Amino acid sequence: MGRPVIGLTTYAEEAKFGLQDTFAAVLPLAYVHAIHSSGGRAVLITPDDPDVDILERIDGIVFTGGSDVDPSRYGETPHATTTVKPERDKPEILLMRAAVELDLPMLGVCRGFQLMAVLYGGRLHQHLPDVLGHTGHRPTSGPKFGQHPVRMSPGTLGHKILGEEVMVNSSTIRGWPTAAGCPRPAGAPKTICWRRRRTRPARSPSASSGIRRTPPTSGSSRP
Protein backbone atom coordinates (compact mmCIF):
# COMPACT_ATOMS: atom_id res chain seq x y z
CA MET A 1 0.00 0.00 0.00
CA GLY A 2 1.36 3.44 -0.94
CA ARG A 3 1.98 6.31 1.41
CA PRO A 4 -1.07 8.49 2.17
CA VAL A 5 -1.08 11.59 -0.03
CA ILE A 6 -1.51 14.82 1.95
CA GLY A 7 -2.31 18.13 0.29
CA LEU A 8 -0.72 21.34 1.59
CA THR A 9 -2.12 24.76 0.77
CA THR A 10 0.53 27.28 -0.31
CA TYR A 11 1.33 30.94 0.24
CA ALA A 12 0.92 33.46 -2.60
CA GLU A 13 3.90 35.80 -2.16
CA GLU A 14 6.51 37.83 -3.95
CA ALA A 15 9.63 35.63 -4.09
CA LYS A 16 13.13 35.84 -5.48
CA PHE A 17 14.72 33.05 -7.54
CA GLY A 18 18.27 33.96 -8.46
CA LEU A 19 18.02 37.33 -10.22
CA GLN A 20 14.28 37.09 -10.83
CA ASP A 21 11.61 38.59 -8.57
CA THR A 22 8.19 37.08 -9.21
CA PHE A 23 4.80 36.36 -7.62
CA ALA A 24 4.92 32.72 -6.60
CA ALA A 25 3.20 29.88 -4.80
CA VAL A 26 5.60 29.02 -1.97
CA LEU A 27 5.67 27.07 1.28
CA PRO A 28 8.27 26.56 4.03
CA LEU A 29 9.88 23.17 3.48
CA ALA A 30 9.31 22.31 7.14
CA TYR A 31 5.68 21.46 6.27
CA VAL A 32 6.81 19.00 3.61
CA HIS A 33 9.40 17.46 5.94
CA ALA A 34 6.74 16.99 8.63
CA ILE A 35 4.47 15.10 6.24
CA HIS A 36 7.27 12.91 4.88
CA SER A 37 8.73 12.14 8.31
CA SER A 38 5.27 11.02 9.41
CA GLY A 39 5.00 8.52 6.55
CA GLY A 40 2.96 10.59 4.10
CA ARG A 41 3.61 12.04 0.67
CA ALA A 42 3.18 15.81 0.37
CA VAL A 43 1.46 17.49 -2.58
CA LEU A 44 1.31 21.30 -2.85
CA ILE A 45 -2.05 22.92 -3.65
CA THR A 46 -1.70 26.35 -5.24
CA PRO A 47 -4.34 29.08 -4.81
CA ASP A 48 -4.49 30.21 -8.46
CA ASP A 49 -7.06 27.77 -9.91
CA PRO A 50 -9.25 26.40 -7.12
CA ASP A 51 -11.37 23.31 -7.64
CA VAL A 52 -12.51 20.65 -5.22
CA ASP A 53 -11.54 17.85 -7.62
CA ILE A 54 -8.09 17.78 -5.95
CA LEU A 55 -9.79 16.35 -2.85
CA GLU A 56 -10.62 13.18 -4.78
CA ARG A 57 -6.90 12.50 -5.21
CA ILE A 58 -5.63 13.01 -1.67
CA ASP A 59 -6.09 11.28 1.68
CA GLY A 60 -5.95 14.40 3.84
CA ILE A 61 -5.27 18.14 3.66
CA VAL A 62 -3.30 20.64 5.74
CA PHE A 63 -4.37 24.27 5.67
CA THR A 64 -1.08 26.04 6.34
CA GLY A 65 -0.15 29.30 8.05
CA GLY A 66 0.41 32.71 6.54
CA SER A 67 -1.66 35.87 6.09
CA ASP A 68 -4.70 36.83 8.14
CA VAL A 69 -8.25 35.76 7.32
CA ASP A 70 -10.14 38.78 5.95
CA PRO A 71 -12.12 40.22 8.93
CA SER A 72 -15.03 41.03 6.62
CA ARG A 73 -15.71 37.28 6.57
CA TYR A 74 -16.70 37.46 10.25
CA GLY A 75 -18.27 40.92 10.16
CA GLU A 76 -15.45 43.13 11.41
CA THR A 77 -13.19 45.86 10.05
CA PRO A 78 -9.43 45.20 9.82
CA HIS A 79 -7.16 46.06 12.75
CA ALA A 80 -4.15 48.24 11.92
CA THR A 81 -1.90 45.15 12.15
CA THR A 82 -4.08 42.90 9.97
CA THR A 83 -2.70 41.79 6.60
CA VAL A 84 -5.01 39.92 4.24
CA LYS A 85 -4.48 37.92 1.06
CA PRO A 86 -7.86 37.60 -0.70
CA GLU A 87 -6.28 35.33 -3.29
CA ARG A 88 -5.88 32.73 -0.53
CA ASP A 89 -9.15 33.18 1.35
CA LYS A 90 -11.53 32.30 -1.47
CA PRO A 91 -9.91 29.05 -2.70
CA GLU A 92 -9.09 27.78 0.80
CA ILE A 93 -12.63 28.36 2.07
CA LEU A 94 -13.89 26.50 -1.01
CA LEU A 95 -11.59 23.57 -0.26
CA MET A 96 -12.34 23.57 3.46
CA ARG A 97 -16.10 23.52 2.97
CA ALA A 98 -15.77 20.62 0.54
CA ALA A 99 -13.36 18.76 2.86
CA VAL A 100 -15.87 19.02 5.72
CA GLU A 101 -18.67 17.69 3.56
CA LEU A 102 -16.49 14.84 2.29
CA ASP A 103 -15.29 14.03 5.81
CA LEU A 104 -11.72 14.34 4.57
CA PRO A 105 -9.12 14.38 7.39
CA MET A 106 -7.68 17.87 7.73
CA LEU A 107 -5.35 19.90 9.90
CA GLY A 108 -5.24 23.68 10.25
CA VAL A 109 -1.99 25.38 11.28
CA CYS A 110 -2.08 28.99 12.50
CA ARG A 111 -4.00 30.70 9.66
CA GLY A 112 -5.60 27.35 8.84
CA PHE A 113 -6.79 27.02 12.45
CA GLN A 114 -8.30 30.51 12.28
CA LEU A 115 -9.96 29.71 8.96
CA MET A 116 -11.63 26.68 10.58
CA ALA A 117 -13.05 28.88 13.35
CA VAL A 118 -14.43 31.41 10.86
CA LEU A 119 -15.89 28.66 8.66
CA TYR A 120 -17.74 27.32 11.69
CA GLY A 121 -19.40 30.68 12.34
CA GLY A 122 -16.85 32.14 14.75
CA ARG A 123 -14.89 35.36 14.80
CA LEU A 124 -11.30 36.23 15.68
CA HIS A 125 -9.45 38.51 18.05
CA GLN A 126 -7.30 40.47 15.62
CA HIS A 127 -4.82 41.67 18.25
CA LEU A 128 -4.29 39.33 21.22
CA PRO A 129 -2.17 41.80 23.22
CA ASP A 130 -5.27 43.99 23.56
CA VAL A 131 -7.17 41.01 25.01
CA LEU A 132 -4.51 39.25 27.10
CA GLY A 133 -2.48 42.28 28.13
CA HIS A 134 0.87 40.84 27.01
CA THR A 135 2.84 39.87 23.88
CA GLY A 136 3.71 36.34 24.98
CA HIS A 137 2.21 34.78 21.87
CA ARG A 138 4.50 36.85 19.62
CA PRO A 139 7.38 38.53 21.47
CA THR A 140 8.26 42.03 20.32
CA SER A 141 11.87 41.56 21.43
CA GLY A 142 14.16 38.70 22.38
CA PRO A 143 13.15 35.21 21.17
CA LYS A 144 11.56 34.86 17.74
CA PHE A 145 8.80 32.67 19.16
CA GLY A 146 6.86 32.85 22.39
CA GLN A 147 6.78 29.67 24.46
CA HIS A 148 3.83 28.82 26.67
CA PRO A 149 1.79 25.83 27.87
CA VAL A 150 -1.44 24.66 26.23
CA ARG A 151 -3.98 22.71 28.25
CA MET A 152 -5.89 20.12 26.23
CA SER A 153 -9.59 19.65 26.92
CA PRO A 154 -10.40 16.16 28.31
CA GLY A 155 -12.01 13.80 25.82
CA THR A 156 -10.49 15.48 22.75
CA LEU A 157 -8.10 13.98 20.23
CA GLY A 158 -5.48 16.52 21.29
CA HIS A 159 -5.74 15.30 24.89
CA LYS A 160 -5.43 11.68 23.74
CA ILE A 161 -2.29 12.38 21.69
CA LEU A 162 -0.55 15.08 23.75
CA GLY A 163 -1.87 14.59 27.26
CA GLU A 164 -3.25 17.19 29.65
CA GLU A 165 -0.69 19.90 28.91
CA VAL A 166 2.06 20.56 26.35
CA MET A 167 4.59 23.36 25.81
CA VAL A 168 4.33 25.04 22.40
CA ASN A 169 5.93 27.82 20.40
CA SER A 170 3.76 30.67 19.12
CA SER A 171 4.24 33.56 16.70
CA THR A 172 0.78 35.04 16.29
CA ILE A 173 -1.24 38.01 17.44
CA ARG A 174 -4.57 36.59 16.25
CA GLY A 175 -6.85 34.51 18.44
CA TRP A 176 -10.17 32.71 18.39
CA PRO A 177 -12.75 33.78 20.99
CA THR A 178 -15.86 31.93 19.76
CA ALA A 179 -17.27 29.49 17.25
CA ALA A 180 -20.90 28.49 16.92
CA GLY A 181 -21.75 25.42 18.99
CA CYS A 182 -18.30 25.15 20.57
CA PRO A 183 -17.71 25.38 24.33
CA ARG A 184 -15.57 28.39 25.26
CA PRO A 185 -12.41 27.38 27.16
CA ALA A 186 -10.40 29.72 29.36
CA GLY A 187 -7.43 31.53 27.84
CA ALA A 188 -6.63 31.66 24.13
CA PRO A 189 -7.80 28.53 22.24
CA LYS A 190 -5.03 26.82 20.30
CA THR A 191 -6.72 23.74 18.83
CA ILE A 192 -10.01 22.82 17.18
CA CYS A 193 -11.02 19.17 16.73
CA TRP A 194 -13.92 18.03 14.60
CA ARG A 195 -15.36 14.68 15.64
CA ARG A 196 -15.74 12.42 12.61
CA ARG A 197 -18.91 10.35 12.55
CA ARG A 198 -17.32 7.43 10.74
CA THR A 199 -14.09 6.47 9.02
CA ARG A 200 -13.78 7.78 5.47
CA PRO A 201 -12.51 5.20 2.96
CA ALA A 202 -9.22 6.34 1.43
CA ARG A 203 -9.77 8.40 -1.74
CA SER A 204 -13.50 7.57 -1.92
CA PRO A 205 -15.19 10.95 -1.37
CA SER A 206 -18.49 9.85 -2.84
CA ALA A 207 -18.84 7.27 -0.08
CA SER A 208 -18.89 9.98 2.59
CA SER A 209 -20.40 12.91 0.72
CA GLY A 210 -22.83 14.90 2.81
CA ILE A 211 -21.61 13.63 6.18
CA ARG A 212 -21.74 16.45 8.71
CA ARG A 213 -19.39 16.92 11.62
CA THR A 214 -20.37 17.66 15.19
CA PRO A 215 -19.28 21.00 16.72
CA PRO A 216 -15.55 21.29 17.44
CA THR A 217 -13.86 21.02 20.79
CA SER A 218 -10.72 22.81 21.79
CA GLY A 219 -7.59 23.20 23.87
CA SER A 220 -6.40 26.55 25.15
CA SER A 221 -3.26 28.30 26.26
CA ARG A 222 -3.00 29.99 29.60
CA PRO A 223 -3.88 33.71 29.48
C-alpha atoms as a PDB file:
ATOM      1  CA  MET A   1       0.000   0.000   0.000  1.00  0.00           C
ATOM      2  CA  GLY A   2       1.360   3.436  -0.937  1.00  0.00           C
ATOM      3  CA  ARG A   3       1.978   6.309   1.412  1.00  0.00           C
ATOM      4  CA  PRO A   4      -1.067   8.492   2.171  1.00  0.00           C
ATOM      5  CA  VAL A   5      -1.084  11.588  -0.029  1.00  0.00           C
ATOM      6  CA  ILE A   6      -1.506  14.820   1.951  1.00  0.00           C
ATOM      7  CA  GLY A   7      -2.306  18.129   0.292  1.00  0.00           C
ATOM      8  CA  LEU A   8      -0.716  21.336   1.590  1.00  0.00           C
ATOM      9  CA  THR A   9      -2.119  24.763   0.771  1.00  0.00           C
ATOM     10  CA  THR A  10       0.528  27.278  -0.312  1.00  0.00           C
ATOM     11  CA  TYR A  11       1.328  30.938   0.241  1.00  0.00           C
ATOM     12  CA  ALA A  12       0.924  33.457  -2.595  1.00  0.00           C
ATOM     13  CA  GLU A  13       3.899  35.796  -2.163  1.00  0.00           C
ATOM     14  CA  GLU A  14       6.513  37.826  -3.949  1.00  0.00           C
ATOM     15  CA  ALA A  15       9.627  35.633  -4.093  1.00  0.00           C
ATOM     16  CA  LYS A  16      13.135  35.835  -5.484  1.00  0.00           C
ATOM     17  CA  PHE A  17      14.716  33.047  -7.537  1.00  0.00           C
ATOM     18  CA  GLY A  18      18.267  33.965  -8.464  1.00  0.00           C
ATOM     19  CA  LEU A  19      18.021  37.331 -10.221  1.00  0.00           C
ATOM     20  CA  GLN A  20      14.280  37.088 -10.832  1.00  0.00           C
ATOM     21  CA  ASP A  21      11.609  38.595  -8.568  1.00  0.00           C
ATOM     22  CA  THR A  22       8.188  37.079  -9.211  1.00  0.00           C
ATOM     23  CA  PHE A  23       4.796  36.363  -7.625  1.00  0.00           C
ATOM     24  CA  ALA A  24       4.921  32.717  -6.597  1.00  0.00           C
ATOM     25  CA  ALA A  25       3.202  29.877  -4.797  1.00  0.00           C
ATOM     26  CA  VAL A  26       5.601  29.023  -1.968  1.00  0.00           C
ATOM     27  CA  LEU A  27       5.672  27.067   1.280  1.00  0.00           C
ATOM     28  CA  PRO A  28       8.271  26.559   4.026  1.00  0.00           C
ATOM     29  CA  LEU A  29       9.878  23.165   3.476  1.00  0.00           C
ATOM     30  CA  ALA A  30       9.306  22.314   7.142  1.00  0.00           C
ATOM     31  CA  TYR A  31       5.676  21.464   6.271  1.00  0.00           C
ATOM     32  CA  VAL A  32       6.815  19.002   3.615  1.00  0.00           C
ATOM     33  CA  HIS A  33       9.401  17.460   5.939  1.00  0.00           C
ATOM     34  CA  ALA A  34       6.736  16.990   8.633  1.00  0.00           C
ATOM     35  CA  ILE A  35       4.470  15.099   6.238  1.00  0.00           C
ATOM     36  CA  HIS A  36       7.273  12.911   4.878  1.00  0.00           C
ATOM     37  CA  SER A  37       8.730  12.142   8.310  1.00  0.00           C
ATOM     38  CA  SER A  38       5.266  11.017   9.410  1.00  0.00           C
ATOM     39  CA  GLY A  39       4.998   8.518   6.553  1.00  0.00           C
ATOM     40  CA  GLY A  40       2.960  10.588   4.104  1.00  0.00           C
ATOM     41  CA  ARG A  41       3.605  12.038   0.670  1.00  0.00           C
ATOM     42  CA  ALA A  42       3.176  15.814   0.374  1.00  0.00           C
ATOM     43  CA  VAL A  43       1.463  17.491  -2.584  1.00  0.00           C
ATOM     44  CA  LEU A  44       1.312  21.299  -2.853  1.00  0.00           C
ATOM     45  CA  ILE A  45      -2.049  22.917  -3.654  1.00  0.00           C
ATOM     46  CA  THR A  46      -1.696  26.350  -5.244  1.00  0.00           C
ATOM     47  CA  PRO A  47      -4.342  29.082  -4.814  1.00  0.00           C
ATOM     48  CA  ASP A  48      -4.492  30.211  -8.456  1.00  0.00           C
ATOM     49  CA  ASP A  49      -7.060  27.767  -9.912  1.00  0.00           C
ATOM     50  CA  PRO A  50      -9.251  26.397  -7.116  1.00  0.00           C
ATOM     51  CA  ASP A  51     -11.372  23.313  -7.639  1.00  0.00           C
ATOM     52  CA  VAL A  52     -12.513  20.650  -5.216  1.00  0.00           C
ATOM     53  CA  ASP A  53     -11.536  17.854  -7.621  1.00  0.00           C
ATOM     54  CA  ILE A  54      -8.093  17.777  -5.952  1.00  0.00           C
ATOM     55  CA  LEU A  55      -9.790  16.352  -2.847  1.00  0.00           C
ATOM     56  CA  GLU A  56     -10.616  13.182  -4.780  1.00  0.00           C
ATOM     57  CA  ARG A  57      -6.902  12.495  -5.214  1.00  0.00           C
ATOM     58  CA  ILE A  58      -5.629  13.006  -1.666  1.00  0.00           C
ATOM     59  CA  ASP A  59      -6.093  11.283   1.683  1.00  0.00           C
ATOM     60  CA  GLY A  60      -5.949  14.404   3.840  1.00  0.00           C
ATOM     61  CA  ILE A  61      -5.270  18.138   3.659  1.00  0.00           C
ATOM     62  CA  VAL A  62      -3.295  20.639   5.735  1.00  0.00           C
ATOM     63  CA  PHE A  63      -4.374  24.275   5.673  1.00  0.00           C
ATOM     64  CA  THR A  64      -1.083  26.044   6.335  1.00  0.00           C
ATOM     65  CA  GLY A  65      -0.147  29.301   8.047  1.00  0.00           C
ATOM     66  CA  GLY A  66       0.415  32.711   6.542  1.00  0.00           C
ATOM     67  CA  SER A  67      -1.656  35.866   6.087  1.00  0.00           C
ATOM     68  CA  ASP A  68      -4.704  36.834   8.138  1.00  0.00           C
ATOM     69  CA  VAL A  69      -8.249  35.763   7.316  1.00  0.00           C
ATOM     70  CA  ASP A  70     -10.140  38.777   5.951  1.00  0.00           C
ATOM     71  CA  PRO A  71     -12.119  40.217   8.926  1.00  0.00           C
ATOM     72  CA  SER A  72     -15.032  41.033   6.619  1.00  0.00           C
ATOM     73  CA  ARG A  73     -15.711  37.275   6.571  1.00  0.00           C
ATOM     74  CA  TYR A  74     -16.702  37.462  10.249  1.00  0.00           C
ATOM     75  CA  GLY A  75     -18.273  40.918  10.164  1.00  0.00           C
ATOM     76  CA  GLU A  76     -15.448  43.125  11.414  1.00  0.00           C
ATOM     77  CA  THR A  77     -13.187  45.859  10.052  1.00  0.00           C
ATOM     78  CA  PRO A  78      -9.427  45.204   9.819  1.00  0.00           C
ATOM     79  CA  HIS A  79      -7.161  46.061  12.745  1.00  0.00           C
ATOM     80  CA  ALA A  80      -4.146  48.242  11.925  1.00  0.00           C
ATOM     81  CA  THR A  81      -1.900  45.147  12.149  1.00  0.00           C
ATOM     82  CA  THR A  82      -4.084  42.901   9.969  1.00  0.00           C
ATOM     83  CA  THR A  83      -2.696  41.787   6.600  1.00  0.00           C
ATOM     84  CA  VAL A  84      -5.013  39.921   4.242  1.00  0.00           C
ATOM     85  CA  LYS A  85      -4.484  37.922   1.060  1.00  0.00           C
ATOM     86  CA  PRO A  86      -7.865  37.603  -0.695  1.00  0.00           C
ATOM     87  CA  GLU A  87      -6.279  35.328  -3.289  1.00  0.00           C
ATOM     88  CA  ARG A  88      -5.883  32.725  -0.527  1.00  0.00           C
ATOM     89  CA  ASP A  89      -9.151  33.183   1.354  1.00  0.00           C
ATOM     90  CA  LYS A  90     -11.535  32.296  -1.471  1.00  0.00           C
ATOM     91  CA  PRO A  91      -9.908  29.051  -2.698  1.00  0.00           C
ATOM     92  CA  GLU A  92      -9.092  27.783   0.799  1.00  0.00           C
ATOM     93  CA  ILE A  93     -12.628  28.360   2.065  1.00  0.00           C
ATOM     94  CA  LEU A  94     -13.891  26.503  -1.008  1.00  0.00           C
ATOM     95  CA  LEU A  95     -11.589  23.574  -0.262  1.00  0.00           C
ATOM     96  CA  MET A  96     -12.344  23.566   3.458  1.00  0.00           C
ATOM     97  CA  ARG A  97     -16.105  23.519   2.969  1.00  0.00           C
ATOM     98  CA  ALA A  98     -15.769  20.618   0.545  1.00  0.00           C
ATOM     99  CA  ALA A  99     -13.356  18.761   2.861  1.00  0.00           C
ATOM    100  CA  VAL A 100     -15.868  19.025   5.718  1.00  0.00           C
ATOM    101  CA  GLU A 101     -18.675  17.694   3.560  1.00  0.00           C
ATOM    102  CA  LEU A 102     -16.491  14.841   2.286  1.00  0.00           C
ATOM    103  CA  ASP A 103     -15.293  14.031   5.813  1.00  0.00           C
ATOM    104  CA  LEU A 104     -11.719  14.339   4.572  1.00  0.00           C
ATOM    105  CA  PRO A 105      -9.120  14.382   7.388  1.00  0.00           C
ATOM    106  CA  MET A 106      -7.681  17.873   7.730  1.00  0.00           C
ATOM    107  CA  LEU A 107      -5.347  19.901   9.903  1.00  0.00           C
ATOM    108  CA  GLY A 108      -5.242  23.682  10.251  1.00  0.00           C
ATOM    109  CA  VAL A 109      -1.990  25.377  11.281  1.00  0.00           C
ATOM    110  CA  CYS A 110      -2.079  28.994  12.497  1.00  0.00           C
ATOM    111  CA  ARG A 111      -4.000  30.701   9.658  1.00  0.00           C
ATOM    112  CA  GLY A 112      -5.604  27.350   8.839  1.00  0.00           C
ATOM    113  CA  PHE A 113      -6.789  27.017  12.447  1.00  0.00           C
ATOM    114  CA  GLN A 114      -8.296  30.510  12.276  1.00  0.00           C
ATOM    115  CA  LEU A 115      -9.964  29.708   8.962  1.00  0.00           C
ATOM    116  CA  MET A 116     -11.633  26.681  10.576  1.00  0.00           C
ATOM    117  CA  ALA A 117     -13.045  28.885  13.353  1.00  0.00           C
ATOM    118  CA  VAL A 118     -14.427  31.409  10.855  1.00  0.00           C
ATOM    119  CA  LEU A 119     -15.887  28.664   8.661  1.00  0.00           C
ATOM    120  CA  TYR A 120     -17.736  27.315  11.687  1.00  0.00           C
ATOM    121  CA  GLY A 121     -19.402  30.685  12.343  1.00  0.00           C
ATOM    122  CA  GLY A 122     -16.849  32.136  14.748  1.00  0.00           C
ATOM    123  CA  ARG A 123     -14.889  35.363  14.796  1.00  0.00           C
ATOM    124  CA  LEU A 124     -11.296  36.234  15.683  1.00  0.00           C
ATOM    125  CA  HIS A 125      -9.448  38.512  18.048  1.00  0.00           C
ATOM    126  CA  GLN A 126      -7.297  40.466  15.616  1.00  0.00           C
ATOM    127  CA  HIS A 127      -4.824  41.666  18.248  1.00  0.00           C
ATOM    128  CA  LEU A 128      -4.293  39.328  21.215  1.00  0.00           C
ATOM    129  CA  PRO A 129      -2.166  41.799  23.222  1.00  0.00           C
ATOM    130  CA  ASP A 130      -5.275  43.990  23.562  1.00  0.00           C
ATOM    131  CA  VAL A 131      -7.171  41.014  25.005  1.00  0.00           C
ATOM    132  CA  LEU A 132      -4.514  39.253  27.099  1.00  0.00           C
ATOM    133  CA  GLY A 133      -2.478  42.280  28.128  1.00  0.00           C
ATOM    134  CA  HIS A 134       0.870  40.838  27.009  1.00  0.00           C
ATOM    135  CA  THR A 135       2.841  39.868  23.881  1.00  0.00           C
ATOM    136  CA  GLY A 136       3.710  36.344  24.977  1.00  0.00           C
ATOM    137  CA  HIS A 137       2.212  34.777  21.873  1.00  0.00           C
ATOM    138  CA  ARG A 138       4.502  36.853  19.625  1.00  0.00           C
ATOM    139  CA  PRO A 139       7.378  38.530  21.473  1.00  0.00           C
ATOM    140  CA  THR A 140       8.258  42.032  20.317  1.00  0.00           C
ATOM    141  CA  SER A 141      11.865  41.559  21.431  1.00  0.00           C
ATOM    142  CA  GLY A 142      14.158  38.702  22.383  1.00  0.00           C
ATOM    143  CA  PRO A 143      13.146  35.209  21.173  1.00  0.00           C
ATOM    144  CA  LYS A 144      11.565  34.857  17.736  1.00  0.00           C
ATOM    145  CA  PHE A 145       8.802  32.670  19.158  1.00  0.00           C
ATOM    146  CA  GLY A 146       6.862  32.854  22.389  1.00  0.00           C
ATOM    147  CA  GLN A 147       6.779  29.665  24.463  1.00  0.00           C
ATOM    148  CA  HIS A 148       3.829  28.818  26.668  1.00  0.00           C
ATOM    149  CA  PRO A 149       1.789  25.830  27.874  1.00  0.00           C
ATOM    150  CA  VAL A 150      -1.438  24.662  26.233  1.00  0.00           C
ATOM    151  CA  ARG A 151      -3.985  22.712  28.248  1.00  0.00           C
ATOM    152  CA  MET A 152      -5.886  20.122  26.226  1.00  0.00           C
ATOM    153  CA  SER A 153      -9.595  19.646  26.919  1.00  0.00           C
ATOM    154  CA  PRO A 154     -10.400  16.156  28.307  1.00  0.00           C
ATOM    155  CA  GLY A 155     -12.008  13.801  25.819  1.00  0.00           C
ATOM    156  CA  THR A 156     -10.488  15.481  22.751  1.00  0.00           C
ATOM    157  CA  LEU A 157      -8.099  13.979  20.228  1.00  0.00           C
ATOM    158  CA  GLY A 158      -5.478  16.523  21.290  1.00  0.00           C
ATOM    159  CA  HIS A 159      -5.737  15.301  24.890  1.00  0.00           C
ATOM    160  CA  LYS A 160      -5.428  11.679  23.742  1.00  0.00           C
ATOM    161  CA  ILE A 161      -2.295  12.377  21.692  1.00  0.00           C
ATOM    162  CA  LEU A 162      -0.549  15.076  23.750  1.00  0.00           C
ATOM    163  CA  GLY A 163      -1.865  14.594  27.264  1.00  0.00           C
ATOM    164  CA  GLU A 164      -3.249  17.193  29.650  1.00  0.00           C
ATOM    165  CA  GLU A 165      -0.686  19.901  28.911  1.00  0.00           C
ATOM    166  CA  VAL A 166       2.057  20.560  26.349  1.00  0.00           C
ATOM    167  CA  MET A 167       4.586  23.361  25.812  1.00  0.00           C
ATOM    168  CA  VAL A 168       4.327  25.038  22.403  1.00  0.00           C
ATOM    169  CA  ASN A 169       5.932  27.821  20.395  1.00  0.00           C
ATOM    170  CA  SER A 170       3.764  30.670  19.116  1.00  0.00           C
ATOM    171  CA  SER A 171       4.240  33.558  16.704  1.00  0.00           C
ATOM    172  CA  THR A 172       0.783  35.039  16.293  1.00  0.00           C
ATOM    173  CA  ILE A 173      -1.244  38.011  17.445  1.00  0.00           C
ATOM    174  CA  ARG A 174      -4.569  36.591  16.248  1.00  0.00           C
ATOM    175  CA  GLY A 175      -6.847  34.512  18.442  1.00  0.00           C
ATOM    176  CA  TRP A 176     -10.165  32.713  18.386  1.00  0.00           C
ATOM    177  CA  PRO A 177     -12.753  33.777  20.990  1.00  0.00           C
ATOM    178  CA  THR A 178     -15.860  31.934  19.761  1.00  0.00           C
ATOM    179  CA  ALA A 179     -17.273  29.487  17.254  1.00  0.00           C
ATOM    180  CA  ALA A 180     -20.903  28.491  16.919  1.00  0.00           C
ATOM    181  CA  GLY A 181     -21.748  25.417  18.988  1.00  0.00           C
ATOM    182  CA  CYS A 182     -18.299  25.152  20.575  1.00  0.00           C
ATOM    183  CA  PRO A 183     -17.712  25.381  24.333  1.00  0.00           C
ATOM    184  CA  ARG A 184     -15.573  28.392  25.262  1.00  0.00           C
ATOM    185  CA  PRO A 185     -12.409  27.384  27.158  1.00  0.00           C
ATOM    186  CA  ALA A 186     -10.401  29.722  29.365  1.00  0.00           C
ATOM    187  CA  GLY A 187      -7.430  31.526  27.843  1.00  0.00           C
ATOM    188  CA  ALA A 188      -6.628  31.659  24.125  1.00  0.00           C
ATOM    189  CA  PRO A 189      -7.801  28.532  22.243  1.00  0.00           C
ATOM    190  CA  LYS A 190      -5.029  26.818  20.298  1.00  0.00           C
ATOM    191  CA  THR A 191      -6.717  23.735  18.829  1.00  0.00           C
ATOM    192  CA  ILE A 192     -10.006  22.816  17.178  1.00  0.00           C
ATOM    193  CA  CYS A 193     -11.020  19.166  16.734  1.00  0.00           C
ATOM    194  CA  TRP A 194     -13.922  18.031  14.601  1.00  0.00           C
ATOM    195  CA  ARG A 195     -15.364  14.683  15.639  1.00  0.00           C
ATOM    196  CA  ARG A 196     -15.738  12.423  12.611  1.00  0.00           C
ATOM    197  CA  ARG A 197     -18.906  10.350  12.555  1.00  0.00           C
ATOM    198  CA  ARG A 198     -17.321   7.433  10.739  1.00  0.00           C
ATOM    199  CA  THR A 199     -14.094   6.469   9.021  1.00  0.00           C
ATOM    200  CA  ARG A 200     -13.782   7.776   5.471  1.00  0.00           C
ATOM    201  CA  PRO A 201     -12.510   5.199   2.958  1.00  0.00           C
ATOM    202  CA  ALA A 202      -9.220   6.338   1.428  1.00  0.00           C
ATOM    203  CA  ARG A 203      -9.772   8.396  -1.739  1.00  0.00           C
ATOM    204  CA  SER A 204     -13.496   7.569  -1.917  1.00  0.00           C
ATOM    205  CA  PRO A 205     -15.186  10.947  -1.373  1.00  0.00           C
ATOM    206  CA  SER A 206     -18.495   9.846  -2.844  1.00  0.00           C
ATOM    207  CA  ALA A 207     -18.838   7.266  -0.078  1.00  0.00           C
ATOM    208  CA  SER A 208     -18.895   9.980   2.592  1.00  0.00           C
ATOM    209  CA  SER A 209     -20.403  12.909   0.723  1.00  0.00           C
ATOM    210  CA  GLY A 210     -22.831  14.895   2.811  1.00  0.00           C
ATOM    211  CA  ILE A 211     -21.611  13.627   6.184  1.00  0.00           C
ATOM    212  CA  ARG A 212     -21.742  16.450   8.708  1.00  0.00           C
ATOM    213  CA  ARG A 213     -19.391  16.921  11.623  1.00  0.00           C
ATOM    214  CA  THR A 214     -20.367  17.665  15.193  1.00  0.00           C
ATOM    215  CA  PRO A 215     -19.278  21.005  16.717  1.00  0.00           C
ATOM    216  CA  PRO A 216     -15.552  21.287  17.438  1.00  0.00           C
ATOM    217  CA  THR A 217     -13.860  21.020  20.794  1.00  0.00           C
ATOM    218  CA  SER A 218     -10.718  22.808  21.793  1.00  0.00           C
ATOM    219  CA  GLY A 219      -7.588  23.202  23.867  1.00  0.00           C
ATOM    220  CA  SER A 220      -6.398  26.547  25.151  1.00  0.00           C
ATOM    221  CA  SER A 221      -3.261  28.296  26.256  1.00  0.00           C
ATOM    222  CA  ARG A 222      -3.003  29.991  29.601  1.00  0.00           C
ATOM    223  CA  PRO A 223      -3.884  33.707  29.483  1.00  0.00           C
END
